[in-house]
Protein backbone atom coordinates (compact mmCIF):
# COMPACT_ATOMS: atom_id res chain seq x y z
CA GLU A 1 -1.14 -26.67 -10.41
CA THR A 2 1.19 -23.51 -10.22
CA VAL A 3 0.87 -22.34 -14.19
CA ASN A 4 3.67 -19.45 -15.12
CA THR A 5 2.23 -17.26 -17.12
CA GLU A 6 5.10 -15.37 -18.20
CA ASN A 7 7.16 -17.43 -20.82
CA TYR A 8 3.69 -18.17 -22.36
CA ILE A 9 3.03 -14.44 -23.68
CA ALA A 10 6.84 -13.90 -23.39
CA TRP A 11 6.05 -13.57 -27.28
CA LYS A 12 4.42 -10.75 -26.72
CA ASN A 13 7.96 -8.87 -25.68
CA GLY A 14 10.35 -10.85 -28.08
CA TRP A 15 11.04 -13.38 -26.36
CA MET A 16 10.82 -16.90 -27.57
CA ILE A 17 11.48 -18.61 -23.91
CA PHE A 18 11.59 -22.86 -23.78
CA GLU A 19 11.72 -24.99 -20.70
CA ASP A 20 12.81 -28.75 -21.07
CA LYS A 21 10.95 -28.84 -24.50
CA PRO A 22 11.38 -31.25 -27.63
CA PHE A 23 13.13 -30.19 -29.92
CA SER A 24 9.79 -31.30 -31.59
CA TYR A 25 7.91 -28.10 -29.63
CA ILE A 26 11.53 -26.17 -31.34
CA LYS A 27 11.54 -26.75 -34.11
CA GLU A 28 7.27 -25.90 -34.71
CA THR A 29 8.09 -22.47 -32.08
CA LEU A 30 10.42 -21.91 -35.24
CA GLU A 31 8.33 -22.72 -38.32
CA ARG A 32 5.65 -19.85 -37.11
CA TRP A 33 8.09 -17.37 -35.93
CA TYR A 34 9.88 -17.46 -38.61
CA ASP A 35 7.51 -18.97 -41.56
CA VAL A 36 9.73 -21.63 -42.57
CA SER A 37 10.01 -25.36 -42.88
CA ILE A 38 11.66 -27.26 -40.67
CA VAL A 39 13.44 -30.68 -42.14
CA MET A 40 15.38 -33.15 -39.50
CA GLU A 41 17.58 -35.38 -40.93
CA ASP A 42 17.63 -37.21 -37.90
CA GLU A 43 14.23 -37.84 -37.24
CA ASN A 44 14.93 -38.90 -33.00
CA SER A 45 16.75 -35.90 -32.34
CA LEU A 46 13.26 -34.51 -31.82
CA SER A 47 12.80 -35.93 -28.87
CA CYS A 48 16.04 -34.48 -27.33
CA ALA A 49 14.30 -31.45 -24.92
CA PHE A 50 16.32 -28.90 -24.48
CA SER A 51 15.73 -25.50 -21.83
CA ALA A 52 16.54 -21.77 -23.71
CA LYS A 53 15.08 -18.18 -23.53
CA PHE A 54 15.90 -15.70 -26.81
CA LYS A 55 14.77 -11.86 -27.44
CA ASP A 56 15.40 -10.61 -30.60
CA LYS A 57 17.44 -13.48 -32.59
CA THR A 58 17.20 -13.99 -35.82
CA LEU A 59 16.67 -17.61 -37.26
CA PRO A 60 20.27 -17.53 -38.46
CA GLU A 61 21.80 -16.54 -34.79
CA VAL A 62 19.64 -19.87 -33.21
CA LEU A 63 19.98 -22.31 -35.57
CA GLU A 64 24.26 -20.99 -34.70
CA ILE A 65 24.20 -21.32 -31.14
CA PHE A 66 22.02 -25.06 -31.68
CA ARG A 67 25.27 -25.76 -33.87
CA ASN A 68 27.78 -24.24 -31.14
CA THR A 69 26.25 -26.80 -28.39
CA GLU A 70 25.41 -29.65 -30.30
CA SER A 71 27.11 -31.59 -32.99
CA ILE A 72 24.30 -30.44 -36.11
CA SER A 73 25.05 -28.29 -38.91
CA TYR A 74 22.04 -26.67 -40.75
CA ARG A 75 21.27 -25.32 -44.87
CA ILE A 76 19.04 -22.63 -44.97
CA ALA A 77 17.16 -22.46 -49.05
CA GLY A 78 14.67 -19.95 -48.57
CA ASP A 79 11.87 -21.00 -46.39
CA GLN A 80 13.85 -23.75 -45.82
CA VAL A 81 15.96 -24.66 -43.71
CA PHE A 82 17.41 -27.91 -43.95
CA ILE A 83 19.83 -29.51 -40.30
CA GLN A 84 22.56 -32.35 -40.64
CA GLY A 85 23.67 -34.78 -37.92
CA ARG A 86 22.46 -35.29 -34.26
CA LEU A 87 20.70 -33.31 -31.20
CA CYS A 88 22.33 -34.79 -27.62
CA GLU A 89 24.30 -37.99 -28.57
CA TYR A 90 22.71 -40.45 -27.38
C-alpha cells in the first residue's frame, strides 16, 4: 500500500493536514497542537469526516473556519474549548 508520508511530516513545517479524517481525530490533533481540552456538545459530531489544510493558524482561526462552514459555535475559556451545535447535519 502506498502512503503519502508528506501528510505525516507536514507538522514539522507548521502544517496540519487532514484527509477525510473523523472530527474525533481532528479534535485530538487540535488538543495536542494547542495544548487545550475540547468539549463537544454533540458527541455524534465526532464521527463526521473532514478534509482540511491549515498552516500557521491560531486556534481561533481554525475554529472560525469550522464555525463558518458548519452549524457550530464555540467558546474558549482558558485551556478549554466548548463546541456547541452539530457538525455535518445528518
